Protein backbone atom coordinates (compact mmCIF):
# COMPACT_ATOMS: atom_id res chain seq x y z
CA UNK A 1 24.72 37.86 -108.26
CA UNK A 2 27.36 35.51 -108.95
CA UNK A 3 29.39 33.22 -106.26
CA UNK A 4 32.07 35.05 -107.40
CA UNK A 5 30.97 38.28 -106.50
CA UNK A 6 28.88 37.19 -103.74
CA UNK A 7 32.99 36.50 -102.41
CA UNK A 8 34.34 39.74 -103.07
CA UNK A 9 31.49 41.92 -101.70
CA UNK A 10 31.59 39.55 -98.26
CA UNK A 11 35.21 39.73 -98.09
CA UNK A 12 35.02 43.60 -98.74
CA UNK A 13 32.26 43.64 -95.56
CA UNK A 14 34.38 41.72 -93.37
CA UNK A 15 37.70 43.98 -94.54
CA UNK A 16 35.56 47.10 -93.50
CA UNK A 17 34.57 45.76 -90.55
CA UNK A 18 38.40 44.42 -89.26
CA UNK A 19 39.36 47.56 -90.18
CA UNK A 20 36.62 49.49 -88.01
CA UNK A 21 38.26 47.71 -84.90
CA UNK A 22 34.49 45.30 -85.54
CA UNK A 23 36.07 41.76 -86.07
CA UNK A 24 37.77 39.66 -84.44
CA UNK A 25 41.65 40.78 -84.86
CA UNK A 26 43.18 36.77 -85.01
CA UNK A 27 40.84 35.35 -87.44
CA UNK A 28 42.46 37.68 -90.37
CA UNK A 29 46.48 37.15 -91.16
CA UNK A 30 45.60 39.08 -94.46
CA UNK A 31 48.04 42.43 -95.06
CA UNK A 32 47.02 45.87 -95.92
CA UNK A 33 49.51 47.80 -97.80
CA UNK A 34 50.27 50.93 -95.90
CA UNK A 35 50.63 52.62 -99.59
CA UNK A 36 49.12 52.20 -102.62
CA UNK A 37 50.39 53.54 -106.10
CA UNK A 38 46.67 55.01 -107.34
CA UNK A 39 48.34 56.69 -110.33
CA UNK A 40 50.32 53.64 -111.37
CA UNK A 41 46.84 51.24 -110.99
CA UNK A 42 44.88 53.69 -112.71
CA UNK A 43 47.26 54.51 -115.43
CA UNK A 44 47.96 51.02 -116.24
CA UNK A 45 43.70 50.48 -116.78
CA UNK A 46 44.57 53.12 -118.99
CA UNK A 47 41.97 55.10 -117.45
CA UNK A 48 41.85 59.48 -116.79
CA UNK A 49 41.60 60.73 -113.46
CA UNK A 50 37.57 61.43 -114.01
CA UNK A 51 36.97 57.89 -115.03
CA UNK A 52 38.87 56.06 -113.11
CA UNK A 53 37.12 57.95 -109.93
CA UNK A 54 34.08 57.02 -111.97
CA UNK A 55 34.04 53.65 -112.36
CA UNK A 56 34.65 52.55 -108.54
CA UNK A 57 33.07 55.79 -106.46
CA UNK A 58 35.92 57.74 -105.67
CA UNK A 59 35.38 61.66 -106.31
CA UNK A 60 37.81 63.04 -108.27
CA UNK A 61 39.71 65.23 -105.89
CA UNK A 62 40.17 62.63 -103.70
CA UNK A 63 41.72 60.24 -106.90
CA UNK A 64 44.11 63.49 -107.20
CA UNK A 65 44.71 64.26 -103.76
CA UNK A 66 45.91 60.67 -103.42
CA UNK A 67 48.05 60.47 -106.63
CA UNK A 68 49.26 63.94 -105.61
CA UNK A 69 50.07 62.78 -101.74
CA UNK A 70 48.09 65.47 -100.34
CA UNK A 71 45.64 63.36 -98.72
CA UNK A 72 46.06 60.29 -96.44
CA UNK A 73 44.49 56.79 -97.66
CA UNK A 74 42.23 55.17 -95.34
CA UNK A 75 42.66 51.24 -94.96
CA UNK A 76 39.04 50.49 -96.35
CA UNK A 77 40.60 52.80 -99.45
CA UNK A 78 43.88 50.98 -99.73
CA UNK A 79 42.29 47.38 -99.49
CA UNK A 80 39.70 48.46 -102.17
CA UNK A 81 42.46 49.90 -104.19
CA UNK A 82 44.81 46.70 -103.91
CA UNK A 83 41.51 44.64 -105.31
CA UNK A 84 41.17 47.07 -108.16
CA UNK A 85 44.72 46.75 -108.96
CA UNK A 86 44.55 43.00 -108.94
CA UNK A 87 41.23 42.15 -109.90
CA UNK A 88 39.84 45.23 -111.53
CA UNK A 89 37.39 43.27 -113.51
CA UNK A 90 35.73 41.71 -110.85
CA UNK A 91 35.11 44.71 -108.64
CA UNK A 92 33.44 46.60 -112.02
CA UNK A 93 31.42 43.01 -111.83
CA UNK A 94 30.32 43.28 -108.28
CA UNK A 95 29.60 46.88 -108.68
CA UNK A 96 27.29 46.73 -111.07
CA UNK A 97 25.30 43.95 -109.68
CA UNK A 98 25.06 45.86 -106.31
């Protein structure tokens, strides 16, 4: 795995630990967005709901529910979607090599 991929995976692990209350809150100063516009991210990437779900490991139903505001999004999902929004290629590389 590349150095960037390793750093992304480590960051995701740390974010998940933080979200689950398993990490020291004082060492983290990053903002986890309270809302993420999944539809805007997906459309910007030019993907159908099915393709987006498949590429990033979500169920189609979950993507649909998020887009239609029928389901609340947990913190780890908001973190991953934020990374997908900012660095989709990095997430794809990390998932390919995992």
